[in-house]
Amino acid sequence: MNQFKAFLSVRQLEFDTVNYQDVREWLVTLLQLCGPRTINRKLSSLRAFYKFLNREGLIENNPLLQIKTLKMPKRLPDYLEQDDLNILLDSNTYFSNDFQGLRNKLIIELLFGTGIRLSELLSLNENDINLYEENVLINGKRNKQRLVPLNKSLIELIKQYIREKHTQGFDCNLSVLILTDKGEAAYSGLIYRIVKKHLAYITTRDKKSPHVLRHSFATNLLNNGADLNSIKELLGHSSLASTEVYTHNTVERLKLIYKQAHPKA
């Protein structure tokens, strides 16, 4: 509001004499200083102020009614390359062979190998995993269930982890798959710490969260030829629009490859 007031002062205008064009000119000055997200926040404040003036009868026409919110650039999902994750998961360097090490590796493998959400991972039970059919039943948002295949290495890791888990003598309900070191049901803070710690071995990206591994699952599937509808079902998205964001990553990757490889690029 102070910024807008200063703008009006330079043009010798008052709040009650401002028109649509004046607000447009102010937005043009802001575009040189701020991004769309910041400008939209400022617009929101100004809209609230002019609604108040109109409600109190202090202005006849609201100049903000014709002003549209700026379009936000789409944020591309952060993801990790398959080769980097293979370095982490295929090496014996980063995970110990005890219960803690097996659990930590299983967390990373499940997030990347199935695209499971953090909340879905925490609610996963041993009986949700069908080792014979080689799939996992995931209880998603709004109680929507989906079956996701398990790869061979993930199946072997699950078997190894469950064997080790049952030797720990935990005094709790062992049906929950992922447990803390004390045998209690895992919680989101623990998963975040484990993921952040291990992703730091292979990337310098700021974002090192469970959702980055979900994005990596989807993006690498798309890059390797999977169709969008199949990825939608595997992720548990209710609409294809939610899945289409991953195509932007693929297009950007193709552009990068083109620039690196084409002699005219």
C-alpha atoms as a PDB file:
ATOM      1  CA  MET A   1       0.000   0.000   0.000  1.00  0.00           C
ATOM      2  CA  ASN A   2       2.894   2.337   0.738  1.00  0.00           C
ATOM      3  CA  GLN A   3       4.395   1.550  -2.676  1.00  0.00           C
ATOM      4  CA  PHE A   4       1.108   2.315  -4.402  1.00  0.00           C
ATOM      5  CA  LYS A   5       0.697   5.500  -2.369  1.00  0.00           C
ATOM      6  CA  ALA A   6       4.188   6.648  -3.443  1.00  0.00           C
ATOM      7  CA  PHE A   7       3.301   5.896  -7.075  1.00  0.00           C
ATOM      8  CA  LEU A   8       0.128   8.017  -6.802  1.00  0.00           C
ATOM      9  CA  SER A   9       2.035  10.832  -5.109  1.00  0.00           C
ATOM     10  CA  VAL A  10       4.434  11.151  -8.058  1.00  0.00           C
ATOM     11  CA  ARG A  11       1.467  11.391 -10.437  1.00  0.00           C
ATOM     12  CA  GLN A  12      -0.436  13.718  -8.096  1.00  0.00           C
ATOM     13  CA  LEU A  13      -3.331  11.287  -7.750  1.00  0.00           C
ATOM     14  CA  GLU A  14      -5.490  10.248  -4.782  1.00  0.00           C
ATOM     15  CA  PHE A  15      -6.887   6.817  -3.958  1.00  0.00           C
ATOM     16  CA  ASP A  16     -10.418   7.900  -4.872  1.00  0.00           C
ATOM     17  CA  THR A  17      -9.422   9.291  -8.286  1.00  0.00           C
ATOM     18  CA  VAL A  18      -7.490   6.264  -9.519  1.00  0.00           C
ATOM     19  CA  ASN A  19      -8.745   4.546 -12.664  1.00  0.00           C
ATOM     20  CA  TYR A  20      -8.030   1.226 -14.373  1.00  0.00           C
ATOM     21  CA  GLN A  21      -5.237   2.702 -16.508  1.00  0.00           C
ATOM     22  CA  ASP A  22      -3.427   4.101 -13.459  1.00  0.00           C
ATOM     23  CA  VAL A  23      -3.341   0.658 -11.861  1.00  0.00           C
ATOM     24  CA  ARG A  24      -2.041  -0.815 -15.138  1.00  0.00           C
ATOM     25  CA  GLU A  25       0.794   1.733 -15.186  1.00  0.00           C
ATOM     26  CA  TRP A  26       1.691   0.812 -11.617  1.00  0.00           C
ATOM     27  CA  LEU A  27       1.843  -2.860 -12.579  1.00  0.00           C
ATOM     28  CA  VAL A  28       4.208  -2.026 -15.447  1.00  0.00           C
ATOM     29  CA  THR A  29       6.594  -0.353 -12.985  1.00  0.00           C
ATOM     30  CA  LEU A  30       6.407  -3.396 -10.712  1.00  0.00           C
ATOM     31  CA  LEU A  31       7.265  -5.783 -13.540  1.00  0.00           C
ATOM     32  CA  GLN A  32      10.729  -4.226 -13.642  1.00  0.00           C
ATOM     33  CA  LEU A  33      11.255  -4.984  -9.941  1.00  0.00           C
ATOM     34  CA  CYS A  34       9.237  -8.075  -8.980  1.00  0.00           C
ATOM     35  CA  GLY A  35       8.128 -11.450 -10.234  1.00  0.00           C
ATOM     36  CA  PRO A  36       4.498 -12.448 -10.936  1.00  0.00           C
ATOM     37  CA  ARG A  37       4.036 -14.103  -7.540  1.00  0.00           C
ATOM     38  CA  THR A  38       5.070 -10.955  -5.651  1.00  0.00           C
ATOM     39  CA  ILE A  39       2.959  -8.717  -7.885  1.00  0.00           C
ATOM     40  CA  ASN A  40      -0.101 -10.901  -7.368  1.00  0.00           C
ATOM     41  CA  ARG A  41       0.333 -10.609  -3.597  1.00  0.00           C
ATOM     42  CA  LYS A  42       0.460  -6.817  -3.924  1.00  0.00           C
ATOM     43  CA  LEU A  43      -2.623  -6.883  -6.152  1.00  0.00           C
ATOM     44  CA  SER A  44      -4.437  -8.934  -3.540  1.00  0.00           C
ATOM     45  CA  SER A  45      -3.759  -6.266  -0.905  1.00  0.00           C
ATOM     46  CA  LEU A  46      -4.881  -3.495  -3.249  1.00  0.00           C
ATOM     47  CA  ARG A  47      -8.085  -5.372  -4.149  1.00  0.00           C
ATOM     48  CA  ALA A  48      -8.951  -5.769  -0.477  1.00  0.00           C
ATOM     49  CA  PHE A  49      -8.346  -2.051   0.114  1.00  0.00           C
ATOM     50  CA  TYR A  50     -10.539  -0.939  -2.785  1.00  0.00           C
ATOM     51  CA  LYS A  51     -13.286  -3.357  -1.768  1.00  0.00           C
ATOM     52  CA  PHE A  52     -13.223  -1.645   1.614  1.00  0.00           C
ATOM     53  CA  LEU A  53     -13.402   1.838   0.018  1.00  0.00           C
ATOM     54  CA  ASN A  54     -16.323   0.720  -2.139  1.00  0.00           C
ATOM     55  CA  ARG A  55     -18.148  -0.881   0.770  1.00  0.00           C
ATOM     56  CA  GLU A  56     -17.767   2.307   2.850  1.00  0.00           C
ATOM     57  CA  GLY A  57     -19.075   4.430  -0.013  1.00  0.00           C
ATOM     58  CA  LEU A  58     -15.796   6.324  -0.394  1.00  0.00           C
ATOM     59  CA  ILE A  59     -15.479   5.520  -4.119  1.00  0.00           C
ATOM     60  CA  GLU A  60     -18.039   5.023  -6.862  1.00  0.00           C
ATOM     61  CA  ASN A  61     -16.066   2.781  -9.205  1.00  0.00           C
ATOM     62  CA  ASN A  62     -13.560   0.104  -8.233  1.00  0.00           C
ATOM     63  CA  PRO A  63     -10.554   0.346 -10.631  1.00  0.00           C
ATOM     64  CA  LEU A  64      -9.390  -3.157  -9.638  1.00  0.00           C
ATOM     65  CA  LEU A  65     -12.420  -4.948 -11.083  1.00  0.00           C
ATOM     66  CA  GLN A  66     -10.897  -5.050 -14.576  1.00  0.00           C
ATOM     67  CA  ILE A  67      -7.399  -5.983 -13.398  1.00  0.00           C
ATOM     68  CA  LYS A  68      -6.566  -9.648 -13.889  1.00  0.00           C
ATOM     69  CA  THR A  69      -4.095 -11.646 -11.849  1.00  0.00           C
ATOM     70  CA  LEU A  70      -0.806 -12.266 -13.640  1.00  0.00           C
ATOM     71  CA  LYS A  71      -0.233 -15.738 -15.018  1.00  0.00           C
ATOM     72  CA  MET A  72       2.214 -17.744 -12.956  1.00  0.00           C
ATOM     73  CA  PRO A  73       5.021 -19.583 -14.742  1.00  0.00           C
ATOM     74  CA  LYS A  74       4.688 -23.332 -14.249  1.00  0.00           C
ATOM     75  CA  ARG A  75       7.166 -24.762 -11.793  1.00  0.00           C
ATOM     76  CA  LEU A  76       8.837 -27.841 -13.175  1.00  0.00           C
ATOM     77  CA  PRO A  77       9.031 -30.728 -10.705  1.00  0.00           C
ATOM     78  CA  ASP A  78      12.478 -31.276  -9.204  1.00  0.00           C
ATOM     79  CA  TYR A  79      13.775 -34.747  -9.979  1.00  0.00           C
ATOM     80  CA  LEU A  80      16.964 -36.797  -9.944  1.00  0.00           C
ATOM     81  CA  GLU A  81      18.448 -38.666 -12.872  1.00  0.00           C
ATOM     82  CA  GLN A  82      18.149 -42.444 -12.841  1.00  0.00           C
ATOM     83  CA  ASP A  83      21.944 -42.873 -13.093  1.00  0.00           C
ATOM     84  CA  ASP A  84      22.510 -40.795  -9.935  1.00  0.00           C
ATOM     85  CA  LEU A  85      19.950 -42.800  -7.976  1.00  0.00           C
ATOM     86  CA  ASN A  86      21.456 -46.048  -9.250  1.00  0.00           C
ATOM     87  CA  ILE A  87      24.804 -44.957  -7.828  1.00  0.00           C
ATOM     88  CA  LEU A  88      23.171 -44.503  -4.435  1.00  0.00           C
ATOM     89  CA  LEU A  89      21.062 -47.647  -4.438  1.00  0.00           C
ATOM     90  CA  ASP A  90      23.422 -50.087  -6.158  1.00  0.00           C
ATOM     91  CA  SER A  91      26.408 -49.292  -3.961  1.00  0.00           C
ATOM     92  CA  ASN A  92      27.132 -50.955  -0.618  1.00  0.00           C
ATOM     93  CA  THR A  93      28.770 -47.763   0.617  1.00  0.00           C
ATOM     94  CA  TYR A  94      25.791 -45.736   1.772  1.00  0.00           C
ATOM     95  CA  PHE A  95      23.679 -48.270   3.701  1.00  0.00           C
ATOM     96  CA  SER A  96      24.652 -50.585   6.547  1.00  0.00           C
ATOM     97  CA  ASN A  97      23.479 -54.205   6.609  1.00  0.00           C
ATOM     98  CA  ASP A  98      21.645 -53.924   9.931  1.00  0.00           C
ATOM     99  CA  PHE A  99      17.976 -53.060  10.579  1.00  0.00           C
ATOM    100  CA  GLN A 100      18.542 -49.296  10.338  1.00  0.00           C
ATOM    101  CA  GLY A 101      20.479 -49.530   7.078  1.00  0.00           C
ATOM    102  CA  LEU A 102      17.975 -51.891   5.479  1.00  0.00           C
ATOM    103  CA  ARG A 103      15.068 -49.670   6.544  1.00  0.00           C
ATOM    104  CA  ASN A 104      16.730 -46.527   5.211  1.00  0.00           C
ATOM    105  CA  LYS A 105      17.462 -48.165   1.877  1.00  0.00           C
ATOM    106  CA  LEU A 106      13.936 -49.561   1.659  1.00  0.00           C
ATOM    107  CA  ILE A 107      12.486 -46.079   2.206  1.00  0.00           C
ATOM    108  CA  ILE A 108      14.508 -44.662  -0.709  1.00  0.00           C
ATOM    109  CA  GLU A 109      13.789 -47.696  -2.908  1.00  0.00           C
ATOM    110  CA  LEU A 110      10.029 -47.581  -2.258  1.00  0.00           C
ATOM    111  CA  LEU A 111       9.756 -43.842  -2.883  1.00  0.00           C
ATOM    112  CA  PHE A 112      11.708 -44.067  -6.139  1.00  0.00           C
ATOM    113  CA  GLY A 113      10.573 -47.547  -7.187  1.00  0.00           C
ATOM    114  CA  THR A 114       6.826 -47.040  -6.740  1.00  0.00           C
ATOM    115  CA  GLY A 115       6.268 -43.254  -6.735  1.00  0.00           C
ATOM    116  CA  ILE A 116       4.492 -43.607  -3.406  1.00  0.00           C
ATOM    117  CA  ARG A 117       3.547 -40.465  -1.457  1.00  0.00           C
ATOM    118  CA  LEU A 118       4.997 -39.892   2.012  1.00  0.00           C
ATOM    119  CA  SER A 119       1.597 -40.314   3.702  1.00  0.00           C
ATOM    120  CA  GLU A 120       1.014 -43.534   1.733  1.00  0.00           C
ATOM    121  CA  LEU A 121       4.420 -44.880   2.751  1.00  0.00           C
ATOM    122  CA  LEU A 122       3.730 -44.238   6.439  1.00  0.00           C
ATOM    123  CA  SER A 123       0.407 -46.107   6.271  1.00  0.00           C
ATOM    124  CA  LEU A 124       1.857 -49.089   4.395  1.00  0.00           C
ATOM    125  CA  ASN A 125       1.442 -52.478   6.124  1.00  0.00           C
ATOM    126  CA  GLU A 126       3.273 -55.723   5.494  1.00  0.00           C
ATOM    127  CA  ASN A 127       0.093 -57.364   4.215  1.00  0.00           C
ATOM    128  CA  ASP A 128      -0.236 -54.647   1.550  1.00  0.00           C
ATOM    129  CA  ILE A 129       2.732 -56.247  -0.189  1.00  0.00           C
ATOM    130  CA  ASN A 130       2.088 -59.290  -2.356  1.00  0.00           C
ATOM    131  CA  LEU A 131       5.463 -60.905  -2.963  1.00  0.00           C
ATOM    132  CA  TYR A 132       3.924 -63.670  -5.087  1.00  0.00           C
ATOM    133  CA  GLU A 133       2.143 -61.242  -7.440  1.00  0.00           C
ATOM    134  CA  GLU A 134       5.081 -58.802  -7.146  1.00  0.00           C
ATOM    135  CA  ASN A 135       2.998 -55.731  -6.391  1.00  0.00           C
ATOM    136  CA  VAL A 136       1.996 -53.409  -3.561  1.00  0.00           C
ATOM    137  CA  LEU A 137      -1.496 -52.175  -2.696  1.00  0.00           C
ATOM    138  CA  ILE A 138      -1.297 -48.446  -1.964  1.00  0.00           C
ATOM    139  CA  ASN A 139      -4.068 -46.626  -0.126  1.00  0.00           C
ATOM    140  CA  GLY A 140      -4.071 -43.175  -1.693  1.00  0.00           C
ATOM    141  CA  LYS A 141      -5.960 -39.928  -1.280  1.00  0.00           C
ATOM    142  CA  ARG A 142      -9.687 -40.166  -0.569  1.00  0.00           C
ATOM    143  CA  ASN A 143      -9.220 -43.898   0.123  1.00  0.00           C
ATOM    144  CA  LYS A 144      -8.489 -44.550  -3.539  1.00  0.00           C
ATOM    145  CA  GLN A 145      -6.488 -47.774  -3.886  1.00  0.00           C
ATOM    146  CA  ARG A 146      -4.048 -48.699  -6.612  1.00  0.00           C
ATOM    147  CA  LEU A 147      -1.738 -51.616  -7.393  1.00  0.00           C
ATOM    148  CA  VAL A 148       1.857 -50.773  -8.287  1.00  0.00           C
ATOM    149  CA  PRO A 149       4.357 -53.387  -9.547  1.00  0.00           C
ATOM    150  CA  LEU A 150       7.539 -54.105  -7.594  1.00  0.00           C
ATOM    151  CA  ASN A 151      10.852 -54.735  -9.320  1.00  0.00           C
ATOM    152  CA  LYS A 152      12.976 -57.788  -8.452  1.00  0.00           C
ATOM    153  CA  SER A 153      15.627 -55.932  -6.432  1.00  0.00           C
ATOM    154  CA  LEU A 154      12.941 -54.154  -4.389  1.00  0.00           C
ATOM    155  CA  ILE A 155      11.208 -57.464  -3.642  1.00  0.00           C
ATOM    156  CA  GLU A 156      14.483 -58.967  -2.373  1.00  0.00           C
ATOM    157  CA  LEU A 157      15.103 -55.881  -0.222  1.00  0.00           C
ATOM    158  CA  ILE A 158      11.606 -56.103   1.280  1.00  0.00           C
ATOM    159  CA  LYS A 159      12.153 -59.767   2.171  1.00  0.00           C
ATOM    160  CA  GLN A 160      15.514 -58.992   3.742  1.00  0.00           C
ATOM    161  CA  TYR A 161      14.121 -56.049   5.697  1.00  0.00           C
ATOM    162  CA  ILE A 162      11.091 -57.949   7.030  1.00  0.00           C
ATOM    163  CA  ARG A 163      13.324 -60.825   8.182  1.00  0.00           C
ATOM    164  CA  GLU A 164      15.592 -58.386  10.016  1.00  0.00           C
ATOM    165  CA  LYS A 165      12.614 -56.479  11.411  1.00  0.00           C
ATOM    166  CA  HIS A 166      11.150 -59.598  13.013  1.00  0.00           C
ATOM    167  CA  THR A 167      14.428 -60.404  14.784  1.00  0.00           C
ATOM    168  CA  GLN A 168      14.422 -57.059  16.637  1.00  0.00           C
ATOM    169  CA  GLY A 169      11.919 -58.099  19.312  1.00  0.00           C
ATOM    170  CA  PHE A 170       9.871 -54.928  19.020  1.00  0.00           C
ATOM    171  CA  ASP A 171       6.942 -54.734  21.467  1.00  0.00           C
ATOM    172  CA  CYS A 172       4.489 -53.190  19.029  1.00  0.00           C
ATOM    173  CA  ASN A 173       2.192 -54.002  16.152  1.00  0.00           C
ATOM    174  CA  LEU A 174       4.626 -55.259  13.526  1.00  0.00           C
ATOM    175  CA  SER A 175       2.065 -55.021  10.726  1.00  0.00           C
ATOM    176  CA  VAL A 176       3.277 -51.468   9.972  1.00  0.00           C
ATOM    177  CA  LEU A 177       6.057 -51.816   7.409  1.00  0.00           C
ATOM    178  CA  ILE A 178       8.331 -48.885   8.231  1.00  0.00           C
ATOM    179  CA  LEU A 179       9.378 -48.595  11.884  1.00  0.00           C
ATOM    180  CA  THR A 180      11.664 -46.355  13.920  1.00  0.00           C
ATOM    181  CA  ASP A 181      14.796 -47.682  15.635  1.00  0.00           C
ATOM    182  CA  LYS A 182      12.642 -48.250  18.747  1.00  0.00           C
ATOM    183  CA  GLY A 183      10.031 -50.272  16.895  1.00  0.00           C
ATOM    184  CA  GLU A 184       7.370 -47.585  16.699  1.00  0.00           C
ATOM    185  CA  ALA A 185       5.486 -46.520  13.575  1.00  0.00           C
ATOM    186  CA  ALA A 186       7.640 -44.205  11.467  1.00  0.00           C
ATOM    187  CA  TYR A 187       6.713 -40.524  11.221  1.00  0.00           C
ATOM    188  CA  SER A 188       7.213 -37.906   8.505  1.00  0.00           C
ATOM    189  CA  GLY A 189      10.143 -36.127  10.204  1.00  0.00           C
ATOM    190  CA  LEU A 190      12.136 -39.364  10.286  1.00  0.00           C
ATOM    191  CA  ILE A 191      11.505 -40.064   6.598  1.00  0.00           C
ATOM    192  CA  TYR A 192      12.519 -36.509   5.653  1.00  0.00           C
ATOM    193  CA  ARG A 193      15.787 -36.799   7.594  1.00  0.00           C
ATOM    194  CA  ILE A 194      16.654 -40.162   6.045  1.00  0.00           C
ATOM    195  CA  VAL A 195      15.888 -38.992   2.510  1.00  0.00           C
ATOM    196  CA  LYS A 196      17.750 -35.700   2.915  1.00  0.00           C
ATOM    197  CA  LYS A 197      20.809 -37.421   4.357  1.00  0.00           C
ATOM    198  CA  HIS A 198      21.098 -39.991   1.586  1.00  0.00           C
ATOM    199  CA  LEU A 199      20.241 -37.725  -1.344  1.00  0.00           C
ATOM    200  CA  ALA A 200      23.009 -35.385  -0.167  1.00  0.00           C
ATOM    201  CA  TYR A 201      25.471 -38.123  -1.202  1.00  0.00           C
ATOM    202  CA  ILE A 202      24.492 -37.798  -4.870  1.00  0.00           C
ATOM    203  CA  THR A 203      23.154 -34.279  -5.417  1.00  0.00           C
ATOM    204  CA  THR A 204      23.759 -30.663  -4.428  1.00  0.00           C
ATOM    205  CA  ARG A 205      20.154 -29.659  -5.163  1.00  0.00           C
ATOM    206  CA  ASP A 206      18.406 -27.684  -2.442  1.00  0.00           C
ATOM    207  CA  LYS A 207      15.331 -29.892  -2.547  1.00  0.00           C
ATOM    208  CA  LYS A 208      15.989 -33.331  -1.077  1.00  0.00           C
ATOM    209  CA  SER A 209      12.533 -34.486  -0.078  1.00  0.00           C
ATOM    210  CA  PRO A 210      10.438 -37.662  -0.453  1.00  0.00           C
ATOM    211  CA  HIS A 211       8.385 -35.890  -3.124  1.00  0.00           C
ATOM    212  CA  VAL A 212      11.518 -35.367  -5.245  1.00  0.00           C
ATOM    213  CA  LEU A 213      11.771 -39.158  -5.440  1.00  0.00           C
ATOM    214  CA  ARG A 214       8.119 -39.362  -6.510  1.00  0.00           C
ATOM    215  CA  HIS A 215       8.873 -36.799  -9.237  1.00  0.00           C
ATOM    216  CA  SER A 216      11.955 -38.830 -10.204  1.00  0.00           C
ATOM    217  CA  PHE A 217       9.842 -41.986 -10.527  1.00  0.00           C
ATOM    218  CA  ALA A 218       7.389 -40.278 -12.897  1.00  0.00           C
ATOM    219  CA  THR A 219       9.945 -38.339 -14.947  1.00  0.00           C
ATOM    220  CA  ASN A 220      12.224 -41.322 -15.503  1.00  0.00           C
ATOM    221  CA  LEU A 221       9.262 -43.472 -16.557  1.00  0.00           C
ATOM    222  CA  LEU A 222       8.269 -40.838 -19.102  1.00  0.00           C
ATOM    223  CA  ASN A 223      11.840 -40.461 -20.352  1.00  0.00           C
ATOM    224  CA  ASN A 224      12.027 -44.211 -20.870  1.00  0.00           C
ATOM    225  CA  GLY A 225       8.895 -44.387 -23.005  1.00  0.00           C
ATOM    226  CA  ALA A 226       6.022 -44.950 -20.571  1.00  0.00           C
ATOM    227  CA  ASP A 227       2.722 -43.417 -21.681  1.00  0.00           C
ATOM    228  CA  LEU A 228       1.123 -40.637 -19.662  1.00  0.00           C
ATOM    229  CA  ASN A 229      -2.048 -42.562 -18.778  1.00  0.00           C
ATOM    230  CA  SER A 230      -0.052 -45.407 -17.253  1.00  0.00           C
ATOM    231  CA  ILE A 231       2.001 -42.970 -15.179  1.00  0.00           C
ATOM    232  CA  LYS A 232      -1.239 -41.317 -14.047  1.00  0.00           C
ATOM    233  CA  GLU A 233      -2.535 -44.638 -12.734  1.00  0.00           C
ATOM    234  CA  LEU A 234       0.747 -45.520 -11.048  1.00  0.00           C
ATOM    235  CA  LEU A 235       0.872 -42.148  -9.269  1.00  0.00           C
ATOM    236  CA  GLY A 236      -2.766 -42.285  -8.243  1.00  0.00           C
ATOM    237  CA  HIS A 237      -3.661 -38.973  -9.884  1.00  0.00           C
ATOM    238  CA  SER A 238      -7.375 -38.298 -10.293  1.00  0.00           C
ATOM    239  CA  SER A 239      -6.890 -36.348 -13.533  1.00  0.00           C
ATOM    240  CA  LEU A 240      -4.396 -36.402 -16.386  1.00  0.00           C
ATOM    241  CA  ALA A 241      -3.765 -32.665 -15.925  1.00  0.00           C
ATOM    242  CA  SER A 242      -1.817 -33.420 -12.726  1.00  0.00           C
ATOM    243  CA  THR A 243       0.419 -35.861 -14.597  1.00  0.00           C
ATOM    244  CA  GLU A 244       1.033 -33.647 -17.629  1.00  0.00           C
ATOM    245  CA  VAL A 245       3.416 -31.433 -15.659  1.00  0.00           C
ATOM    246  CA  TYR A 246       6.067 -34.149 -16.109  1.00  0.00           C
ATOM    247  CA  THR A 247       5.995 -33.700 -19.878  1.00  0.00           C
ATOM    248  CA  HIS A 248       7.554 -30.257 -19.376  1.00  0.00           C
ATOM    249  CA  ASN A 249      10.587 -31.889 -17.785  1.00  0.00           C
ATOM    250  CA  THR A 250      10.891 -34.232 -20.751  1.00  0.00           C
ATOM    251  CA  VAL A 251      10.644 -31.356 -23.250  1.00  0.00           C
ATOM    252  CA  GLU A 252      13.304 -29.393 -21.354  1.00  0.00           C
ATOM    253  CA  ARG A 253      15.545 -32.464 -21.366  1.00  0.00           C
ATOM    254  CA  LEU A 254      15.100 -32.869 -25.125  1.00  0.00           C
ATOM    255  CA  LYS A 255      15.971 -29.186 -25.631  1.00  0.00           C
ATOM    256  CA  LEU A 256      19.144 -29.649 -23.601  1.00  0.00           C
ATOM    257  CA  ILE A 257      20.135 -32.736 -25.593  1.00  0.00           C
ATOM    258  CA  TYR A 258      19.457 -30.844 -28.839  1.00  0.00           C
ATOM    259  CA  LYS A 259      21.609 -27.881 -27.774  1.00  0.00           C
ATOM    260  CA  GLN A 260      24.447 -30.188 -26.767  1.00  0.00           C
ATOM    261  CA  ALA A 261      24.331 -32.437 -29.815  1.00  0.00           C
ATOM    262  CA  HIS A 262      23.135 -30.478 -32.830  1.00  0.00           C
ATOM    263  CA  PRO A 263      25.857 -28.582 -34.755  1.00  0.00           C
ATOM    264  CA  LYS A 264      23.453 -25.716 -35.540  1.00  0.00           C
ATOM    265  CA  ALA A 265      22.121 -25.366 -31.975  1.00  0.00           C
END
